[in-house]
Amino acid sequence: MTANLSKPEAFGDLPSAQMLGAKFHRLAVGEERSARFAIKQQIEIIKTMREFFQHYFASVEATDAETASTIEALSPPR
């Protein structure tokens, strides 16, 4: 997913361009504090949030159904 964040060869053949390309490459795909690291971290946070909300809504639906059943059982017949 983050494989194409950097193409340092696109900066050209001049030494200063290669140095600049290397710097941007490190910023894009280096270790911590790189764009790749931040993107992967955000993806993991979103996956965790999605899992949490799936469990939450399943729990709410189950509780709601149980409460409705209890209320119906306590209600006098019509």
PDB file of N, CA and C in Angstrom:
ATOM      1  N   MET A   1       0.819  -1.187   0.000  1.00  0.00           N
ATOM      2  CA  MET A   1       0.000   0.000   0.000  1.00  0.00           C
ATOM      3  C   MET A   1       0.869   1.259   0.000  1.00  0.00           C
ATOM      4  N   THR A   2       1.990   1.221   0.665  1.00  0.00           N
ATOM      5  CA  THR A   2       2.845   2.407   0.740  1.00  0.00           C
ATOM      6  C   THR A   2       4.117   2.236  -0.083  1.00  0.00           C
ATOM      7  N   ALA A   3       4.133   1.273  -0.980  1.00  0.00           N
ATOM      8  CA  ALA A   3       5.351   0.967  -1.739  1.00  0.00           C
ATOM      9  C   ALA A   3       5.739   2.085  -2.690  1.00  0.00           C
ATOM     10  N   ASN A   4       4.794   2.842  -3.191  1.00  0.00           N
ATOM     11  CA  ASN A   4       5.100   3.861  -4.186  1.00  0.00           C
ATOM     12  C   ASN A   4       5.168   5.271  -3.610  1.00  0.00           C
ATOM     13  N   LEU A   5       5.479   5.408  -2.341  1.00  0.00           N
ATOM     14  CA  LEU A   5       5.559   6.727  -1.731  1.00  0.00           C
ATOM     15  C   LEU A   5       6.796   7.494  -2.181  1.00  0.00           C
ATOM     16  N   SER A   6       7.813   6.808  -2.625  1.00  0.00           N
ATOM     17  CA  SER A   6       9.065   7.484  -2.942  1.00  0.00           C
ATOM     18  C   SER A   6       9.704   6.898  -4.189  1.00  0.00           C
ATOM     19  N   LYS A   7      10.202   7.800  -5.028  1.00  0.00           N
ATOM     20  CA  LYS A   7      10.977   7.418  -6.205  1.00  0.00           C
ATOM     21  C   LYS A   7      12.176   8.365  -6.283  1.00  0.00           C
ATOM     22  N   PRO A   8      13.237   8.085  -5.510  1.00  0.00           N
ATOM     23  CA  PRO A   8      14.367   9.012  -5.457  1.00  0.00           C
ATOM     24  C   PRO A   8      15.072   9.191  -6.799  1.00  0.00           C
ATOM     25  N   GLU A   9      14.969   8.223  -7.687  1.00  0.00           N
ATOM     26  CA  GLU A   9      15.609   8.339  -8.996  1.00  0.00           C
ATOM     27  C   GLU A   9      14.964   9.421  -9.846  1.00  0.00           C
ATOM     28  N   ALA A  10      13.769   9.852  -9.501  1.00  0.00           N
ATOM     29  CA  ALA A  10      13.067  10.877 -10.265  1.00  0.00           C
ATOM     30  C   ALA A  10      13.674  12.262 -10.077  1.00  0.00           C
ATOM     31  N   PHE A  11      14.602  12.427  -9.132  1.00  0.00           N
ATOM     32  CA  PHE A  11      15.201  13.728  -8.879  1.00  0.00           C
ATOM     33  C   PHE A  11      16.325  14.062  -9.850  1.00  0.00           C
ATOM     34  N   GLY A  12      16.776  13.101 -10.600  1.00  0.00           N
ATOM     35  CA  GLY A  12      17.798  13.387 -11.606  1.00  0.00           C
ATOM     36  C   GLY A  12      19.189  12.920 -11.206  1.00  0.00           C
ATOM     37  N   ASP A  13      20.187  13.350 -12.012  1.00  0.00           N
ATOM     38  CA  ASP A  13      21.549  12.843 -11.859  1.00  0.00           C
ATOM     39  C   ASP A  13      22.487  13.783 -11.115  1.00  0.00           C
ATOM     40  N   LEU A  14      22.112  15.013 -10.911  1.00  0.00           N
ATOM     41  CA  LEU A  14      22.991  15.942 -10.205  1.00  0.00           C
ATOM     42  C   LEU A  14      23.163  15.489  -8.759  1.00  0.00           C
ATOM     43  N   PRO A  15      24.377  15.644  -8.216  1.00  0.00           N
ATOM     44  CA  PRO A  15      24.605  15.226  -6.822  1.00  0.00           C
ATOM     45  C   PRO A  15      23.636  15.888  -5.842  1.00  0.00           C
ATOM     46  N   SER A  16      23.374  17.188  -6.016  1.00  0.00           N
ATOM     47  CA  SER A  16      22.455  17.869  -5.089  1.00  0.00           C
ATOM     48  C   SER A  16      21.038  17.304  -5.232  1.00  0.00           C
ATOM     49  N   ALA A  17      20.637  16.964  -6.445  1.00  0.00           N
ATOM     50  CA  ALA A  17      19.318  16.374  -6.666  1.00  0.00           C
ATOM     51  C   ALA A  17      19.244  14.991  -6.040  1.00  0.00           C
ATOM     52  N   GLN A  18      20.322  14.230  -6.124  1.00  0.00           N
ATOM     53  CA  GLN A  18      20.342  12.897  -5.514  1.00  0.00           C
ATOM     54  C   GLN A  18      20.288  12.996  -3.998  1.00  0.00           C
ATOM     55  N   MET A  19      20.978  14.009  -3.439  1.00  0.00           N
ATOM     56  CA  MET A  19      20.922  14.207  -1.989  1.00  0.00           C
ATOM     57  C   MET A  19      19.502  14.581  -1.554  1.00  0.00           C
ATOM     58  N   LEU A  20      18.865  15.462  -2.328  1.00  0.00           N
ATOM     59  CA  LEU A  20      17.501  15.860  -2.018  1.00  0.00           C
ATOM     60  C   LEU A  20      16.551  14.671  -2.162  1.00  0.00           C
ATOM     61  N   GLY A  21      16.745  13.878  -3.208  1.00  0.00           N
ATOM     62  CA  GLY A  21      15.935  12.680  -3.403  1.00  0.00           C
ATOM     63  C   GLY A  21      16.082  11.697  -2.253  1.00  0.00           C
ATOM     64  N   ALA A  22      17.323  11.539  -1.781  1.00  0.00           N
ATOM     65  CA  ALA A  22      17.573  10.630  -0.654  1.00  0.00           C
ATOM     66  C   ALA A  22      16.881  11.130   0.617  1.00  0.00           C
ATOM     67  N   LYS A  23      16.915  12.461   0.805  1.00  0.00           N
ATOM     68  CA  LYS A  23      16.257  13.030   1.988  1.00  0.00           C
ATOM     69  C   LYS A  23      14.749  12.778   1.935  1.00  0.00           C
ATOM     70  N   PHE A  24      14.128  13.068   0.796  1.00  0.00           N
ATOM     71  CA  PHE A  24      12.691  12.845   0.671  1.00  0.00           C
ATOM     72  C   PHE A  24      12.347  11.364   0.757  1.00  0.00           C
ATOM     73  N   HIS A  25      13.224  10.525   0.277  1.00  0.00           N
ATOM     74  CA  HIS A  25      12.998   9.085   0.378  1.00  0.00           C
ATOM     75  C   HIS A  25      12.962   8.663   1.850  1.00  0.00           C
ATOM     76  N   ARG A  26      13.903   9.157   2.639  1.00  0.00           N
ATOM     77  CA  ARG A  26      13.914   8.849   4.077  1.00  0.00           C
ATOM     78  C   ARG A  26      12.646   9.361   4.745  1.00  0.00           C
ATOM     79  N   LEU A  27      12.207  10.571   4.381  1.00  0.00           N
ATOM     80  CA  LEU A  27      10.985  11.129   4.969  1.00  0.00           C
ATOM     81  C   LEU A  27       9.747  10.328   4.575  1.00  0.00           C
ATOM     82  N   ALA A  28       9.782   9.780   3.375  1.00  0.00           N
ATOM     83  CA  ALA A  28       8.619   9.036   2.891  1.00  0.00           C
ATOM     84  C   ALA A  28       8.568   7.613   3.413  1.00  0.00           C
ATOM     85  N   VAL A  29       9.696   6.907   3.373  1.00  0.00           N
ATOM     86  CA  VAL A  29       9.654   5.468   3.669  1.00  0.00           C
ATOM     87  C   VAL A  29      10.657   5.021   4.710  1.00  0.00           C
ATOM     88  N   GLY A  30      11.244   5.958   5.445  1.00  0.00           N
ATOM     89  CA  GLY A  30      12.200   5.577   6.482  1.00  0.00           C
ATOM     90  C   GLY A  30      11.516   4.893   7.648  1.00  0.00           C
ATOM     91  N   GLU A  31      12.218   4.843   8.746  1.00  0.00           N
ATOM     92  CA  GLU A  31      11.659   4.195   9.942  1.00  0.00           C
ATOM     93  C   GLU A  31      10.652   5.132  10.612  1.00  0.00           C
ATOM     94  N   GLU A  32      10.730   5.293  11.911  1.00  0.00           N
ATOM     95  CA  GLU A  32       9.791   6.153  12.635  1.00  0.00           C
ATOM     96  C   GLU A  32       9.827   7.570  12.079  1.00  0.00           C
ATOM     97  N   ARG A  33       8.711   8.240  12.185  1.00  0.00           N
ATOM     98  CA  ARG A  33       8.512   9.624  11.733  1.00  0.00           C
ATOM     99  C   ARG A  33       8.473   9.760  10.219  1.00  0.00           C
ATOM    100  N   SER A  34       8.370   8.670   9.497  1.00  0.00           N
ATOM    101  CA  SER A  34       8.224   8.748   8.044  1.00  0.00           C
ATOM    102  C   SER A  34       6.741   8.722   7.692  1.00  0.00           C
ATOM    103  N   ALA A  35       6.438   9.095   6.459  1.00  0.00           N
ATOM    104  CA  ALA A  35       5.044   9.049   6.003  1.00  0.00           C
ATOM    105  C   ALA A  35       4.530   7.615   6.033  1.00  0.00           C
ATOM    106  N   ARG A  36       5.351   6.659   5.608  1.00  0.00           N
ATOM    107  CA  ARG A  36       4.935   5.251   5.613  1.00  0.00           C
ATOM    108  C   ARG A  36       4.565   4.800   7.016  1.00  0.00           C
ATOM    109  N   PHE A  37       5.415   5.130   7.986  1.00  0.00           N
ATOM    110  CA  PHE A  37       5.166   4.744   9.374  1.00  0.00           C
ATOM    111  C   PHE A  37       3.857   5.353   9.866  1.00  0.00           C
ATOM    112  N   ALA A  38       3.643   6.662   9.587  1.00  0.00           N
ATOM    113  CA  ALA A  38       2.432   7.342  10.041  1.00  0.00           C
ATOM    114  C   ALA A  38       1.187   6.744   9.389  1.00  0.00           C
ATOM    115  N   ILE A  39       1.264   6.452   8.092  1.00  0.00           N
ATOM    116  CA  ILE A  39       0.121   5.877   7.386  1.00  0.00           C
ATOM    117  C   ILE A  39      -0.224   4.510   7.956  1.00  0.00           C
ATOM    118  N   LYS A  40       0.787   3.672   8.150  1.00  0.00           N
ATOM    119  CA  LYS A  40       0.528   2.335   8.702  1.00  0.00           C
ATOM    120  C   LYS A  40      -0.040   2.425  10.116  1.00  0.00           C
ATOM    121  N   GLN A  41       0.455   3.372  10.892  1.00  0.00           N
ATOM    122  CA  GLN A  41      -0.041   3.552  12.256  1.00  0.00           C
ATOM    123  C   GLN A  41      -1.513   3.982  12.229  1.00  0.00           C
ATOM    124  N   GLN A  42      -1.864   4.899  11.358  1.00  0.00           N
ATOM    125  CA  GLN A  42      -3.245   5.352  11.255  1.00  0.00           C
ATOM    126  C   GLN A  42      -4.159   4.225  10.777  1.00  0.00           C
ATOM    127  N   ILE A  43      -3.684   3.408   9.860  1.00  0.00           N
ATOM    128  CA  ILE A  43      -4.474   2.268   9.385  1.00  0.00           C
ATOM    129  C   ILE A  43      -4.766   1.311  10.533  1.00  0.00           C
ATOM    130  N   GLU A  44      -3.774   1.047  11.368  1.00  0.00           N
ATOM    131  CA  GLU A  44      -3.986   0.158  12.516  1.00  0.00           C
ATOM    132  C   GLU A  44      -4.984   0.754  13.499  1.00  0.00           C
ATOM    133  N   ILE A  45      -4.918   2.065  13.712  1.00  0.00           N
ATOM    134  CA  ILE A  45      -5.866   2.726  14.611  1.00  0.00           C
ATOM    135  C   ILE A  45      -7.284   2.589  14.065  1.00  0.00           C
ATOM    136  N   ILE A  46      -7.443   2.800  12.772  1.00  0.00           N
ATOM    137  CA  ILE A  46      -8.764   2.697  12.156  1.00  0.00           C
ATOM    138  C   ILE A  46      -9.287   1.264  12.220  1.00  0.00           C
ATOM    139  N   LYS A  47      -8.420   0.279  12.003  1.00  0.00           N
ATOM    140  CA  LYS A  47      -8.844  -1.120  12.111  1.00  0.00           C
ATOM    141  C   LYS A  47      -9.310  -1.433  13.532  1.00  0.00           C
ATOM    142  N   THR A  48      -8.581  -0.930  14.519  1.00  0.00           N
ATOM    143  CA  THR A  48      -8.947  -1.153  15.916  1.00  0.00           C
ATOM    144  C   THR A  48     -10.282  -0.493  16.234  1.00  0.00           C
ATOM    145  N   MET A  49     -10.463   0.729  15.739  1.00  0.00           N
ATOM    146  CA  MET A  49     -11.730   1.429  15.960  1.00  0.00           C
ATOM    147  C   MET A  49     -12.883   0.689  15.292  1.00  0.00           C
ATOM    148  N   ARG A  50     -12.673   0.198  14.079  1.00  0.00           N
ATOM    149  CA  ARG A  50     -13.724  -0.533  13.370  1.00  0.00           C
ATOM    150  C   ARG A  50     -14.111  -1.780  14.152  1.00  0.00           C
ATOM    151  N   GLU A  51     -13.131  -2.512  14.654  1.00  0.00           N
ATOM    152  CA  GLU A  51     -13.406  -3.723  15.438  1.00  0.00           C
ATOM    153  C   GLU A  51     -14.164  -3.376  16.718  1.00  0.00           C
ATOM    154  N   PHE A  52     -13.733  -2.305  17.387  1.00  0.00           N
ATOM    155  CA  PHE A  52     -14.398  -1.876  18.614  1.00  0.00           C
ATOM    156  C   PHE A  52     -15.864  -1.558  18.345  1.00  0.00           C
ATOM    157  N   PHE A  53     -16.127  -0.768  17.298  1.00  0.00           N
ATOM    158  CA  PHE A  53     -17.502  -0.370  17.012  1.00  0.00           C
ATOM    159  C   PHE A  53     -18.352  -1.543  16.550  1.00  0.00           C
ATOM    160  N   GLN A  54     -17.776  -2.507  15.862  1.00  0.00           N
ATOM    161  CA  GLN A  54     -18.535  -3.700  15.485  1.00  0.00           C
ATOM    162  C   GLN A  54     -18.991  -4.441  16.730  1.00  0.00           C
ATOM    163  N   HIS A  55     -18.073  -4.611  17.693  1.00  0.00           N
ATOM    164  CA  HIS A  55     -18.442  -5.283  18.947  1.00  0.00           C
ATOM    165  C   HIS A  55     -19.455  -4.453  19.734  1.00  0.00           C
ATOM    166  N   TYR A  56     -19.249  -3.152  19.747  1.00  0.00           N
ATOM    167  CA  TYR A  56     -20.146  -2.257  20.488  1.00  0.00           C
ATOM    168  C   TYR A  56     -21.568  -2.345  19.932  1.00  0.00           C
ATOM    169  N   PHE A  57     -21.718  -2.207  18.624  1.00  0.00           N
ATOM    170  CA  PHE A  57     -23.058  -2.226  18.040  1.00  0.00           C
ATOM    171  C   PHE A  57     -23.717  -3.593  18.170  1.00  0.00           C
ATOM    172  N   ALA A  58     -22.940  -4.666  18.091  1.00  0.00           N
ATOM    173  CA  ALA A  58     -23.499  -6.000  18.309  1.00  0.00           C
ATOM    174  C   ALA A  58     -24.014  -6.115  19.744  1.00  0.00           C
ATOM    175  N   SER A  59     -23.258  -5.574  20.688  1.00  0.00           N
ATOM    176  CA  SER A  59     -23.667  -5.610  22.093  1.00  0.00           C
ATOM    177  C   SER A  59     -24.921  -4.770  22.319  1.00  0.00           C
ATOM    178  N   VAL A  60     -24.957  -3.597  21.716  1.00  0.00           N
ATOM    179  CA  VAL A  60     -26.132  -2.720  21.869  1.00  0.00           C
ATOM    180  C   VAL A  60     -27.370  -3.387  21.279  1.00  0.00           C
ATOM    181  N   GLU A  61     -27.234  -3.985  20.112  1.00  0.00           N
ATOM    182  CA  GLU A  61     -28.377  -4.665  19.500  1.00  0.00           C
ATOM    183  C   GLU A  61     -28.870  -5.814  20.363  1.00  0.00           C
ATOM    184  N   ALA A  62     -27.940  -6.580  20.932  1.00  0.00           N
ATOM    185  CA  ALA A  62     -28.332  -7.701  21.790  1.00  0.00           C
ATOM    186  C   ALA A  62     -29.038  -7.198  23.044  1.00  0.00           C
ATOM    187  N   THR A  63     -28.499  -6.155  23.645  1.00  0.00           N
ATOM    188  CA  THR A  63     -29.118  -5.578  24.845  1.00  0.00           C
ATOM    189  C   THR A  63     -30.493  -5.009  24.524  1.00  0.00           C
ATOM    190  N   ASP A  64     -30.602  -4.338  23.389  1.00  0.00           N
ATOM    191  CA  ASP A  64     -31.881  -3.762  22.971  1.00  0.00           C
ATOM    192  C   ASP A  64     -32.926  -4.856  22.761  1.00  0.00           C
ATOM    193  N   ALA A  65     -32.534  -5.934  22.113  1.00  0.00           N
ATOM    194  CA  ALA A  65     -33.463  -7.040  21.876  1.00  0.00           C
ATOM    195  C   ALA A  65     -33.882  -7.679  23.197  1.00  0.00           C
ATOM    196  N   GLU A  66     -32.924  -7.832  24.108  1.00  0.00           N
ATOM    197  CA  GLU A  66     -33.227  -8.427  25.412  1.00  0.00           C
ATOM    198  C   GLU A  66     -34.168  -7.531  26.212  1.00  0.00           C
ATOM    199  N   THR A  67     -33.919  -6.218  26.181  1.00  0.00           N
ATOM    200  CA  THR A  67     -34.784  -5.276  26.898  1.00  0.00           C
ATOM    201  C   THR A  67     -36.188  -5.272  26.311  1.00  0.00           C
ATOM    202  N   ALA A  68     -36.292  -5.278  24.994  1.00  0.00           N
ATOM    203  CA  ALA A  68     -37.608  -5.315  24.343  1.00  0.00           C
ATOM    204  C   ALA A  68     -38.352  -6.583  24.714  1.00  0.00           C
ATOM    205  N   SER A  69     -37.656  -7.685  24.780  1.00  0.00           N
ATOM    206  CA  SER A  69     -38.274  -8.961  25.150  1.00  0.00           C
ATOM    207  C   SER A  69     -38.775  -8.922  26.587  1.00  0.00           C
ATOM    208  N   THR A  70     -37.980  -8.352  27.469  1.00  0.00           N
ATOM    209  CA  THR A  70     -38.367  -8.251  28.883  1.00  0.00           C
ATOM    210  C   THR A  70     -39.587  -7.351  29.051  1.00  0.00           C
ATOM    211  N   ILE A  71     -39.583  -6.241  28.364  1.00  0.00           N
ATOM    212  CA  ILE A  71     -40.719  -5.311  28.457  1.00  0.00           C
ATOM    213  C   ILE A  71     -41.978  -5.954  27.894  1.00  0.00           C
ATOM    214  N   GLU A  72     -41.830  -6.639  26.803  1.00  0.00           N
ATOM    215  CA  GLU A  72     -42.984  -7.321  26.208  1.00  0.00           C
ATOM    216  C   GLU A  72     -43.542  -8.381  27.143  1.00  0.00           C
ATOM    217  N   ALA A  73     -42.668  -9.093  27.838  1.00  0.00           N
ATOM    218  CA  ALA A  73     -43.116 -10.140  28.762  1.00  0.00           C
ATOM    219  C   ALA A  73     -43.838  -9.548  29.961  1.00  0.00           C
ATOM    220  N   LEU A  74     -43.446  -8.349  30.374  1.00  0.00           N
ATOM    221  CA  LEU A  74     -44.068  -7.695  31.529  1.00  0.00           C
ATOM    222  C   LEU A  74     -45.334  -6.936  31.177  1.00  0.00           C
ATOM    223  N   SER A  75     -45.530  -6.669  29.917  1.00  0.00           N
ATOM    224  CA  SER A  75     -46.704  -5.900  29.480  1.00  0.00           C
ATOM    225  C   SER A  75     -47.955  -6.772  29.506  1.00  0.00           C
ATOM    226  N   PRO A  76     -49.067  -6.161  29.889  1.00  0.00           N
ATOM    227  CA  PRO A  76     -50.314  -6.949  29.874  1.00  0.00           C
ATOM    228  C   PRO A  76     -50.726  -7.241  28.438  1.00  0.00           C
ATOM    229  N   PRO A  77     -51.427  -8.349  28.255  1.00  0.00           N
ATOM    230  CA  PRO A  77     -51.871  -8.685  26.879  1.00  0.00           C
ATOM    231  C   PRO A  77     -52.839  -7.640  26.374  1.00  0.00           C
ATOM    232  N   ARG A  78     -52.889  -7.473  25.082  1.00  0.00           N
ATOM    233  CA  ARG A  78     -53.779  -6.456  24.485  1.00  0.00           C
ATOM    234  C   ARG A  78     -55.103  -7.023  24.144  1.00  0.00           C
TER     235      ARG A  78
END
